[in-house]
Amino acid sequence: MASDSPSGLIDPTTARAALDIVGSARTRVATHIKSPWWYHPGLGASLAFAFSSVSIDWDLIPYGVVLGLMVIPMALTMLLKSSTGVGVDHYTATPGARRLSMVYSLLLGALLALGAVLQWGIDFRWAMAGCGAAAFLLTVVTGLRIERALHRDVQAGA
């Protein structure tokens, strides 16, 4: 945006118009980044499958890891992008989302460690499947909170 003033400064009217355009674009993006109802339960279910495969049978562990930790989350993310029209990493896009994602990651790691100790350390059958159910709940609840933080941060311009 150029100015007719000799000093090269932008006049207040032009600056206000530019800020209004940025504000309306921010509002439009904030409405489009809301994920569909199935996204967070889908991610939780893929993690639950990965965890549970350990409890079901040793032969299923590679399938659980590949499908539950790689293929299904990648497919869900591609579907999310095509359904919303916006490709944004919900977990790291804004400071508020990053903070919640860090807590989520630590809790998920603790569930994994707890399940492994119970399943293999003291031979408590189905412990990883139980931790998978907890991972499902954690993913759904925390995912929705992360999304609210993302929406709030985008609207505020963070």
N, C-alpha and C. Protein backbone atom coordinates (compact mmCIF):
# COMPACT_ATOMS: atom_id res chain seq x y z
N MET A 1 0.85 -1.16 0.00
CA MET A 1 0.00 0.00 0.00
C MET A 1 0.90 1.23 0.00
N ALA A 2 0.75 1.99 -1.01
CA ALA A 2 1.57 3.19 -1.13
C ALA A 2 0.82 4.38 -0.59
N SER A 3 1.56 5.40 -0.35
CA SER A 3 0.99 6.63 0.19
C SER A 3 1.37 7.79 -0.71
N ASP A 4 0.50 8.78 -0.74
CA ASP A 4 0.79 9.98 -1.53
C ASP A 4 1.60 11.00 -0.75
N SER A 5 1.84 10.74 0.53
CA SER A 5 2.58 11.70 1.34
C SER A 5 4.06 11.66 0.97
N PRO A 6 4.72 12.79 1.03
CA PRO A 6 6.13 12.86 0.63
C PRO A 6 7.05 12.05 1.54
N SER A 7 6.69 11.84 2.77
CA SER A 7 7.58 11.13 3.69
C SER A 7 7.49 9.62 3.51
N GLY A 8 6.54 9.11 2.74
CA GLY A 8 6.41 7.68 2.52
C GLY A 8 5.62 6.97 3.59
N LEU A 9 5.06 7.68 4.54
CA LEU A 9 4.27 7.08 5.61
C LEU A 9 2.87 6.78 5.11
N ILE A 10 2.28 5.75 5.67
CA ILE A 10 0.92 5.38 5.29
C ILE A 10 -0.04 6.23 6.11
N ASP A 11 -1.06 6.75 5.44
CA ASP A 11 -2.02 7.58 6.16
C ASP A 11 -2.91 6.70 7.05
N PRO A 12 -3.50 7.28 8.08
CA PRO A 12 -4.29 6.48 9.04
C PRO A 12 -5.46 5.73 8.42
N THR A 13 -6.08 6.27 7.42
CA THR A 13 -7.22 5.60 6.78
C THR A 13 -6.77 4.32 6.08
N THR A 14 -5.66 4.41 5.37
CA THR A 14 -5.12 3.23 4.68
C THR A 14 -4.67 2.18 5.69
N ALA A 15 -4.04 2.61 6.75
CA ALA A 15 -3.58 1.67 7.79
C ALA A 15 -4.77 0.97 8.44
N ARG A 16 -5.82 1.72 8.74
CA ARG A 16 -7.02 1.14 9.36
C ARG A 16 -7.66 0.13 8.41
N ALA A 17 -7.71 0.45 7.10
CA ALA A 17 -8.29 -0.47 6.12
C ALA A 17 -7.48 -1.77 6.05
N ALA A 18 -6.15 -1.65 6.10
CA ALA A 18 -5.30 -2.84 6.07
C ALA A 18 -5.51 -3.70 7.30
N LEU A 19 -5.62 -3.07 8.47
CA LEU A 19 -5.86 -3.81 9.71
C LEU A 19 -7.23 -4.49 9.69
N ASP A 20 -8.22 -3.84 9.11
CA ASP A 20 -9.54 -4.45 9.00
C ASP A 20 -9.51 -5.68 8.10
N ILE A 21 -8.74 -5.60 7.02
CA ILE A 21 -8.61 -6.75 6.11
C ILE A 21 -7.94 -7.92 6.85
N VAL A 22 -6.89 -7.63 7.60
CA VAL A 22 -6.20 -8.68 8.37
C VAL A 22 -7.14 -9.27 9.41
N GLY A 23 -7.90 -8.44 10.09
CA GLY A 23 -8.84 -8.92 11.11
C GLY A 23 -9.92 -9.81 10.52
N SER A 24 -10.45 -9.44 9.37
CA SER A 24 -11.48 -10.28 8.75
C SER A 24 -10.89 -11.58 8.23
N ALA A 25 -9.67 -11.55 7.72
CA ALA A 25 -9.01 -12.79 7.27
C ALA A 25 -8.75 -13.71 8.45
N ARG A 26 -8.34 -13.15 9.58
CA ARG A 26 -8.10 -13.93 10.79
C ARG A 26 -9.40 -14.60 11.25
N THR A 27 -10.50 -13.88 11.20
CA THR A 27 -11.79 -14.44 11.61
C THR A 27 -12.21 -15.57 10.67
N ARG A 28 -12.00 -15.38 9.36
CA ARG A 28 -12.34 -16.44 8.39
C ARG A 28 -11.51 -17.69 8.64
N VAL A 29 -10.21 -17.53 8.86
CA VAL A 29 -9.35 -18.69 9.12
C VAL A 29 -9.77 -19.37 10.41
N ALA A 30 -10.09 -18.60 11.43
CA ALA A 30 -10.49 -19.18 12.72
C ALA A 30 -11.74 -20.04 12.58
N THR A 31 -12.64 -19.66 11.70
CA THR A 31 -13.85 -20.49 11.52
C THR A 31 -13.54 -21.74 10.71
N HIS A 32 -12.55 -21.69 9.84
CA HIS A 32 -12.23 -22.86 9.02
C HIS A 32 -11.33 -23.87 9.70
N ILE A 33 -10.63 -23.50 10.76
CA ILE A 33 -9.71 -24.45 11.38
C ILE A 33 -10.40 -25.40 12.35
N LYS A 34 -11.69 -25.21 12.57
CA LYS A 34 -12.41 -26.12 13.46
C LYS A 34 -12.52 -27.47 12.78
N SER A 35 -12.03 -28.49 13.45
CA SER A 35 -12.06 -29.83 12.86
C SER A 35 -13.44 -30.46 13.02
N PRO A 36 -13.78 -31.39 12.13
CA PRO A 36 -15.07 -32.08 12.23
C PRO A 36 -15.14 -32.96 13.48
N TRP A 37 -16.33 -33.37 13.83
CA TRP A 37 -16.56 -34.14 15.06
C TRP A 37 -15.75 -35.42 15.11
N TRP A 38 -15.42 -36.01 13.98
CA TRP A 38 -14.80 -37.32 13.93
C TRP A 38 -13.27 -37.28 14.06
N TYR A 39 -12.66 -36.10 13.97
CA TYR A 39 -11.21 -36.03 13.90
C TYR A 39 -10.53 -36.50 15.20
N HIS A 40 -10.86 -35.91 16.32
CA HIS A 40 -10.21 -36.28 17.58
C HIS A 40 -10.57 -37.70 18.03
N PRO A 41 -11.83 -38.13 17.93
CA PRO A 41 -12.11 -39.55 18.23
C PRO A 41 -11.37 -40.50 17.29
N GLY A 42 -11.20 -40.10 16.04
CA GLY A 42 -10.45 -40.94 15.10
C GLY A 42 -8.99 -41.08 15.49
N LEU A 43 -8.38 -39.96 15.89
CA LEU A 43 -6.99 -40.03 16.36
C LEU A 43 -6.89 -40.87 17.62
N GLY A 44 -7.85 -40.68 18.54
CA GLY A 44 -7.85 -41.47 19.77
C GLY A 44 -8.01 -42.95 19.49
N ALA A 45 -8.89 -43.29 18.55
CA ALA A 45 -9.11 -44.70 18.20
C ALA A 45 -7.86 -45.31 17.56
N SER A 46 -7.15 -44.53 16.76
CA SER A 46 -5.93 -45.06 16.15
C SER A 46 -4.87 -45.33 17.21
N LEU A 47 -4.77 -44.45 18.21
CA LEU A 47 -3.84 -44.69 19.31
C LEU A 47 -4.27 -45.89 20.14
N ALA A 48 -5.57 -46.00 20.40
CA ALA A 48 -6.08 -47.14 21.15
C ALA A 48 -5.77 -48.44 20.42
N PHE A 49 -5.89 -48.43 19.10
CA PHE A 49 -5.56 -49.62 18.31
C PHE A 49 -4.08 -49.96 18.45
N ALA A 50 -3.22 -48.95 18.38
CA ALA A 50 -1.77 -49.18 18.51
C ALA A 50 -1.44 -49.77 19.88
N PHE A 51 -2.00 -49.19 20.93
CA PHE A 51 -1.77 -49.69 22.29
C PHE A 51 -2.33 -51.11 22.43
N SER A 52 -3.56 -51.32 21.96
CA SER A 52 -4.23 -52.61 22.16
C SER A 52 -3.58 -53.74 21.40
N SER A 53 -2.96 -53.43 20.28
CA SER A 53 -2.33 -54.50 19.49
C SER A 53 -1.26 -55.22 20.30
N VAL A 54 -0.66 -54.52 21.24
CA VAL A 54 0.36 -55.13 22.10
C VAL A 54 -0.29 -56.18 23.00
N SER A 55 -1.47 -55.89 23.51
CA SER A 55 -2.15 -56.82 24.41
C SER A 55 -2.77 -57.99 23.68
N ILE A 56 -3.19 -57.79 22.44
CA ILE A 56 -3.91 -58.84 21.73
C ILE A 56 -2.97 -59.97 21.32
N ASP A 57 -1.90 -59.62 20.61
CA ASP A 57 -0.99 -60.66 20.12
C ASP A 57 0.32 -60.01 19.66
N TRP A 58 1.43 -60.67 19.92
CA TRP A 58 2.74 -60.17 19.51
C TRP A 58 2.79 -59.92 18.00
N ASP A 59 2.13 -60.79 17.25
CA ASP A 59 2.17 -60.65 15.79
C ASP A 59 1.46 -59.40 15.29
N LEU A 60 0.59 -58.82 16.10
CA LEU A 60 -0.14 -57.62 15.69
C LEU A 60 0.59 -56.32 15.99
N ILE A 61 1.65 -56.39 16.77
CA ILE A 61 2.35 -55.15 17.16
C ILE A 61 2.82 -54.34 15.94
N PRO A 62 3.45 -54.96 14.93
CA PRO A 62 3.85 -54.14 13.77
C PRO A 62 2.67 -53.46 13.08
N TYR A 63 1.55 -54.18 12.97
CA TYR A 63 0.36 -53.59 12.35
C TYR A 63 -0.19 -52.45 13.20
N GLY A 64 -0.20 -52.66 14.50
CA GLY A 64 -0.67 -51.60 15.39
C GLY A 64 0.17 -50.35 15.30
N VAL A 65 1.48 -50.53 15.24
CA VAL A 65 2.38 -49.38 15.15
C VAL A 65 2.23 -48.69 13.80
N VAL A 66 2.28 -49.46 12.73
CA VAL A 66 2.22 -48.85 11.39
C VAL A 66 0.85 -48.21 11.14
N LEU A 67 -0.22 -48.95 11.41
CA LEU A 67 -1.55 -48.41 11.15
C LEU A 67 -1.95 -47.36 12.19
N GLY A 68 -1.78 -47.69 13.46
CA GLY A 68 -2.27 -46.82 14.52
C GLY A 68 -1.46 -45.57 14.76
N LEU A 69 -0.18 -45.62 14.45
CA LEU A 69 0.66 -44.44 14.70
C LEU A 69 1.09 -43.70 13.44
N MET A 70 0.88 -44.32 12.27
CA MET A 70 1.32 -43.66 11.04
C MET A 70 0.21 -43.50 10.02
N VAL A 71 -0.32 -44.61 9.53
CA VAL A 71 -1.25 -44.57 8.40
C VAL A 71 -2.57 -43.89 8.76
N ILE A 72 -3.21 -44.32 9.83
CA ILE A 72 -4.52 -43.76 10.19
C ILE A 72 -4.41 -42.28 10.55
N PRO A 73 -3.46 -41.86 11.40
CA PRO A 73 -3.36 -40.41 11.67
C PRO A 73 -3.07 -39.59 10.41
N MET A 74 -2.24 -40.12 9.50
CA MET A 74 -1.95 -39.40 8.27
C MET A 74 -3.21 -39.28 7.40
N ALA A 75 -3.97 -40.36 7.31
CA ALA A 75 -5.21 -40.33 6.53
C ALA A 75 -6.22 -39.36 7.15
N LEU A 76 -6.34 -39.38 8.47
CA LEU A 76 -7.26 -38.46 9.13
C LEU A 76 -6.85 -37.01 8.91
N THR A 77 -5.56 -36.74 8.93
CA THR A 77 -5.08 -35.38 8.70
C THR A 77 -5.36 -34.93 7.27
N MET A 78 -5.19 -35.84 6.31
CA MET A 78 -5.51 -35.50 4.92
C MET A 78 -7.01 -35.25 4.76
N LEU A 79 -7.84 -36.08 5.39
CA LEU A 79 -9.28 -35.86 5.34
C LEU A 79 -9.67 -34.55 6.02
N LEU A 80 -9.00 -34.23 7.11
CA LEU A 80 -9.25 -32.97 7.81
C LEU A 80 -8.96 -31.79 6.90
N LYS A 81 -7.83 -31.83 6.23
CA LYS A 81 -7.46 -30.73 5.34
C LYS A 81 -8.46 -30.59 4.20
N SER A 82 -8.89 -31.71 3.64
CA SER A 82 -9.84 -31.62 2.53
C SER A 82 -11.23 -31.18 3.00
N SER A 83 -11.59 -31.52 4.23
CA SER A 83 -12.93 -31.12 4.70
C SER A 83 -12.98 -29.69 5.18
N THR A 84 -11.87 -29.15 5.69
CA THR A 84 -11.88 -27.77 6.18
C THR A 84 -11.32 -26.79 5.17
N GLY A 85 -10.49 -27.27 4.26
CA GLY A 85 -9.87 -26.38 3.28
C GLY A 85 -8.65 -25.65 3.83
N VAL A 86 -8.28 -25.98 5.06
CA VAL A 86 -7.13 -25.32 5.70
C VAL A 86 -6.17 -26.39 6.17
N GLY A 87 -4.92 -26.27 5.81
CA GLY A 87 -3.90 -27.21 6.27
C GLY A 87 -3.07 -26.59 7.36
N VAL A 88 -3.43 -26.84 8.60
CA VAL A 88 -2.69 -26.27 9.74
C VAL A 88 -2.45 -27.38 10.75
N ASP A 89 -1.29 -27.38 11.34
CA ASP A 89 -0.98 -28.36 12.37
C ASP A 89 -1.64 -27.89 13.66
N HIS A 90 -2.75 -28.50 14.02
CA HIS A 90 -3.52 -28.07 15.19
C HIS A 90 -2.71 -28.12 16.48
N TYR A 91 -1.73 -29.01 16.53
CA TYR A 91 -1.00 -29.23 17.78
C TYR A 91 0.14 -28.25 18.01
N THR A 92 0.62 -27.59 16.97
CA THR A 92 1.77 -26.70 17.16
C THR A 92 1.61 -25.33 16.52
N ALA A 93 0.45 -25.00 16.01
CA ALA A 93 0.28 -23.77 15.24
C ALA A 93 0.38 -22.49 16.08
N THR A 94 -0.04 -22.54 17.33
CA THR A 94 -0.03 -21.32 18.15
C THR A 94 0.58 -21.63 19.52
N PRO A 95 0.97 -20.62 20.26
CA PRO A 95 1.58 -20.86 21.58
C PRO A 95 0.66 -21.63 22.54
N GLY A 96 -0.61 -21.29 22.58
CA GLY A 96 -1.54 -21.99 23.47
C GLY A 96 -1.69 -23.45 23.10
N ALA A 97 -1.77 -23.73 21.81
CA ALA A 97 -1.88 -25.12 21.35
C ALA A 97 -0.59 -25.88 21.64
N ARG A 98 0.56 -25.24 21.47
CA ARG A 98 1.84 -25.91 21.76
C ARG A 98 1.96 -26.29 23.23
N ARG A 99 1.55 -25.39 24.12
CA ARG A 99 1.63 -25.70 25.55
C ARG A 99 0.77 -26.91 25.90
N LEU A 100 -0.45 -26.92 25.43
CA LEU A 100 -1.33 -28.05 25.70
C LEU A 100 -0.81 -29.33 25.05
N SER A 101 -0.23 -29.20 23.86
CA SER A 101 0.32 -30.37 23.17
C SER A 101 1.49 -30.97 23.93
N MET A 102 2.28 -30.13 24.57
CA MET A 102 3.41 -30.63 25.36
C MET A 102 2.90 -31.45 26.54
N VAL A 103 1.89 -30.92 27.23
CA VAL A 103 1.30 -31.66 28.35
C VAL A 103 0.70 -32.97 27.86
N TYR A 104 -0.01 -32.90 26.74
CA TYR A 104 -0.61 -34.10 26.14
C TYR A 104 0.47 -35.14 25.81
N SER A 105 1.56 -34.71 25.22
CA SER A 105 2.64 -35.63 24.85
C SER A 105 3.25 -36.30 26.08
N LEU A 106 3.44 -35.51 27.13
CA LEU A 106 4.00 -36.08 28.36
C LEU A 106 3.04 -37.10 28.98
N LEU A 107 1.76 -36.79 29.01
CA LEU A 107 0.77 -37.72 29.56
C LEU A 107 0.67 -38.98 28.71
N LEU A 108 0.73 -38.83 27.40
CA LEU A 108 0.68 -39.98 26.50
C LEU A 108 1.91 -40.87 26.70
N GLY A 109 3.08 -40.25 26.86
CA GLY A 109 4.30 -41.00 27.15
C GLY A 109 4.21 -41.74 28.47
N ALA A 110 3.61 -41.10 29.48
CA ALA A 110 3.44 -41.76 30.78
C ALA A 110 2.49 -42.96 30.65
N LEU A 111 1.43 -42.82 29.86
CA LEU A 111 0.53 -43.96 29.63
C LEU A 111 1.25 -45.11 28.94
N LEU A 112 2.07 -44.77 27.97
CA LEU A 112 2.84 -45.80 27.27
C LEU A 112 3.79 -46.51 28.22
N ALA A 113 4.50 -45.75 29.04
CA ALA A 113 5.43 -46.35 30.00
C ALA A 113 4.70 -47.20 31.03
N LEU A 114 3.59 -46.69 31.55
CA LEU A 114 2.80 -47.44 32.52
C LEU A 114 2.30 -48.74 31.92
N GLY A 115 1.76 -48.68 30.72
CA GLY A 115 1.27 -49.89 30.06
C GLY A 115 2.38 -50.90 29.82
N ALA A 116 3.54 -50.42 29.40
CA ALA A 116 4.65 -51.33 29.13
C ALA A 116 5.13 -52.00 30.41
N VAL A 117 5.24 -51.24 31.49
CA VAL A 117 5.67 -51.81 32.77
C VAL A 117 4.65 -52.84 33.25
N LEU A 118 3.39 -52.49 33.18
CA LEU A 118 2.36 -53.43 33.64
C LEU A 118 2.26 -54.66 32.75
N GLN A 119 2.33 -54.45 31.44
CA GLN A 119 2.17 -55.56 30.48
C GLN A 119 3.37 -56.50 30.51
N TRP A 120 4.57 -55.94 30.44
CA TRP A 120 5.75 -56.79 30.33
C TRP A 120 6.51 -56.93 31.64
N GLY A 121 6.48 -55.90 32.44
CA GLY A 121 7.24 -55.95 33.69
C GLY A 121 6.63 -56.88 34.73
N ILE A 122 5.33 -56.75 34.94
CA ILE A 122 4.69 -57.62 35.95
C ILE A 122 3.66 -58.55 35.32
N ASP A 123 3.68 -58.64 34.00
CA ASP A 123 2.85 -59.58 33.24
C ASP A 123 1.35 -59.43 33.55
N PHE A 124 0.90 -58.19 33.57
CA PHE A 124 -0.52 -57.90 33.79
C PHE A 124 -1.19 -57.83 32.42
N ARG A 125 -1.90 -58.90 32.08
CA ARG A 125 -2.50 -59.04 30.75
C ARG A 125 -3.50 -57.92 30.49
N TRP A 126 -3.55 -57.42 29.28
CA TRP A 126 -4.46 -56.39 28.80
C TRP A 126 -4.16 -54.99 29.37
N ALA A 127 -3.01 -54.81 30.00
CA ALA A 127 -2.67 -53.50 30.54
C ALA A 127 -2.51 -52.45 29.43
N MET A 128 -1.88 -52.84 28.34
CA MET A 128 -1.69 -51.89 27.24
C MET A 128 -3.04 -51.53 26.60
N ALA A 129 -3.95 -52.47 26.55
CA ALA A 129 -5.28 -52.17 26.01
C ALA A 129 -6.00 -51.18 26.92
N GLY A 130 -5.88 -51.35 28.22
CA GLY A 130 -6.46 -50.39 29.16
C GLY A 130 -5.85 -49.02 29.02
N CYS A 131 -4.53 -48.98 28.84
CA CYS A 131 -3.86 -47.70 28.63
C CYS A 131 -4.26 -47.11 27.27
N GLY A 132 -4.57 -47.97 26.32
CA GLY A 132 -5.07 -47.51 25.02
C GLY A 132 -6.43 -46.83 25.15
N ALA A 133 -7.29 -47.39 26.00
CA ALA A 133 -8.59 -46.75 26.25
C ALA A 133 -8.38 -45.38 26.92
N ALA A 134 -7.43 -45.32 27.85
CA ALA A 134 -7.12 -44.03 28.49
C ALA A 134 -6.52 -43.06 27.47
N ALA A 135 -5.71 -43.57 26.53
CA ALA A 135 -5.13 -42.72 25.48
C ALA A 135 -6.24 -42.17 24.57
N PHE A 136 -7.24 -42.99 24.30
CA PHE A 136 -8.38 -42.53 23.50
C PHE A 136 -9.06 -41.34 24.19
N LEU A 137 -9.38 -41.52 25.47
CA LEU A 137 -10.05 -40.44 26.22
C LEU A 137 -9.17 -39.19 26.30
N LEU A 138 -7.89 -39.39 26.58
CA LEU A 138 -6.96 -38.27 26.67
C LEU A 138 -6.89 -37.52 25.35
N THR A 139 -6.85 -38.25 24.25
CA THR A 139 -6.75 -37.63 22.93
C THR A 139 -7.99 -36.83 22.59
N VAL A 140 -9.16 -37.38 22.88
CA VAL A 140 -10.40 -36.66 22.58
C VAL A 140 -10.52 -35.40 23.44
N VAL A 141 -10.34 -35.54 24.74
CA VAL A 141 -10.51 -34.40 25.65
C VAL A 141 -9.44 -33.33 25.39
N THR A 142 -8.19 -33.74 25.31
CA THR A 142 -7.11 -32.77 25.11
C THR A 142 -7.16 -32.19 23.70
N GLY A 143 -7.51 -33.01 22.73
CA GLY A 143 -7.62 -32.51 21.35
C GLY A 143 -8.63 -31.40 21.23
N LEU A 144 -9.76 -31.54 21.89
CA LEU A 144 -10.78 -30.48 21.86
C LEU A 144 -10.28 -29.22 22.57
N ARG A 145 -9.56 -29.40 23.67
CA ARG A 145 -8.99 -28.23 24.38
C ARG A 145 -7.92 -27.54 23.53
N ILE A 146 -7.10 -28.32 22.86
CA ILE A 146 -6.08 -27.77 21.97
C ILE A 146 -6.74 -26.98 20.85
N GLU A 147 -7.82 -27.54 20.32
CA GLU A 147 -8.52 -26.85 19.24
C GLU A 147 -9.13 -25.53 19.71
N ARG A 148 -9.69 -25.51 20.91
CA ARG A 148 -10.23 -24.25 21.45
C ARG A 148 -9.11 -23.22 21.63
N ALA A 149 -7.94 -23.67 22.12
CA ALA A 149 -6.80 -22.76 22.28
C ALA A 149 -6.33 -22.24 20.92
N LEU A 150 -6.30 -23.11 19.93
CA LEU A 150 -5.91 -22.71 18.58
C LEU A 150 -6.87 -21.66 18.03
N HIS A 151 -8.15 -21.92 18.17
CA HIS A 151 -9.17 -20.99 17.68
C HIS A 151 -9.04 -19.63 18.38
N ARG A 152 -8.88 -19.67 19.69
CA ARG A 152 -8.75 -18.44 20.47
C ARG A 152 -7.48 -17.66 20.06
N ASP A 153 -6.37 -18.38 19.91
CA ASP A 153 -5.11 -17.74 19.56
C ASP A 153 -5.15 -17.14 18.15
N VAL A 154 -5.77 -17.84 17.21
CA VAL A 154 -5.85 -17.33 15.84
C VAL A 154 -6.73 -16.08 15.81
N GLN A 155 -7.84 -16.10 16.52
CA GLN A 155 -8.69 -14.91 16.54
C GLN A 155 -7.99 -13.73 17.21
N ALA A 156 -7.17 -14.01 18.21
CA ALA A 156 -6.45 -12.94 18.91
C ALA A 156 -5.21 -12.49 18.17
N GLY A 157 -4.81 -13.25 17.15
CA GLY A 157 -3.63 -12.86 16.37
C GLY A 157 -2.32 -13.35 16.92
N ALA A 158 -2.35 -14.41 17.72
CA ALA A 158 -1.10 -14.95 18.31
C ALA A 158 -0.30 -15.70 17.28
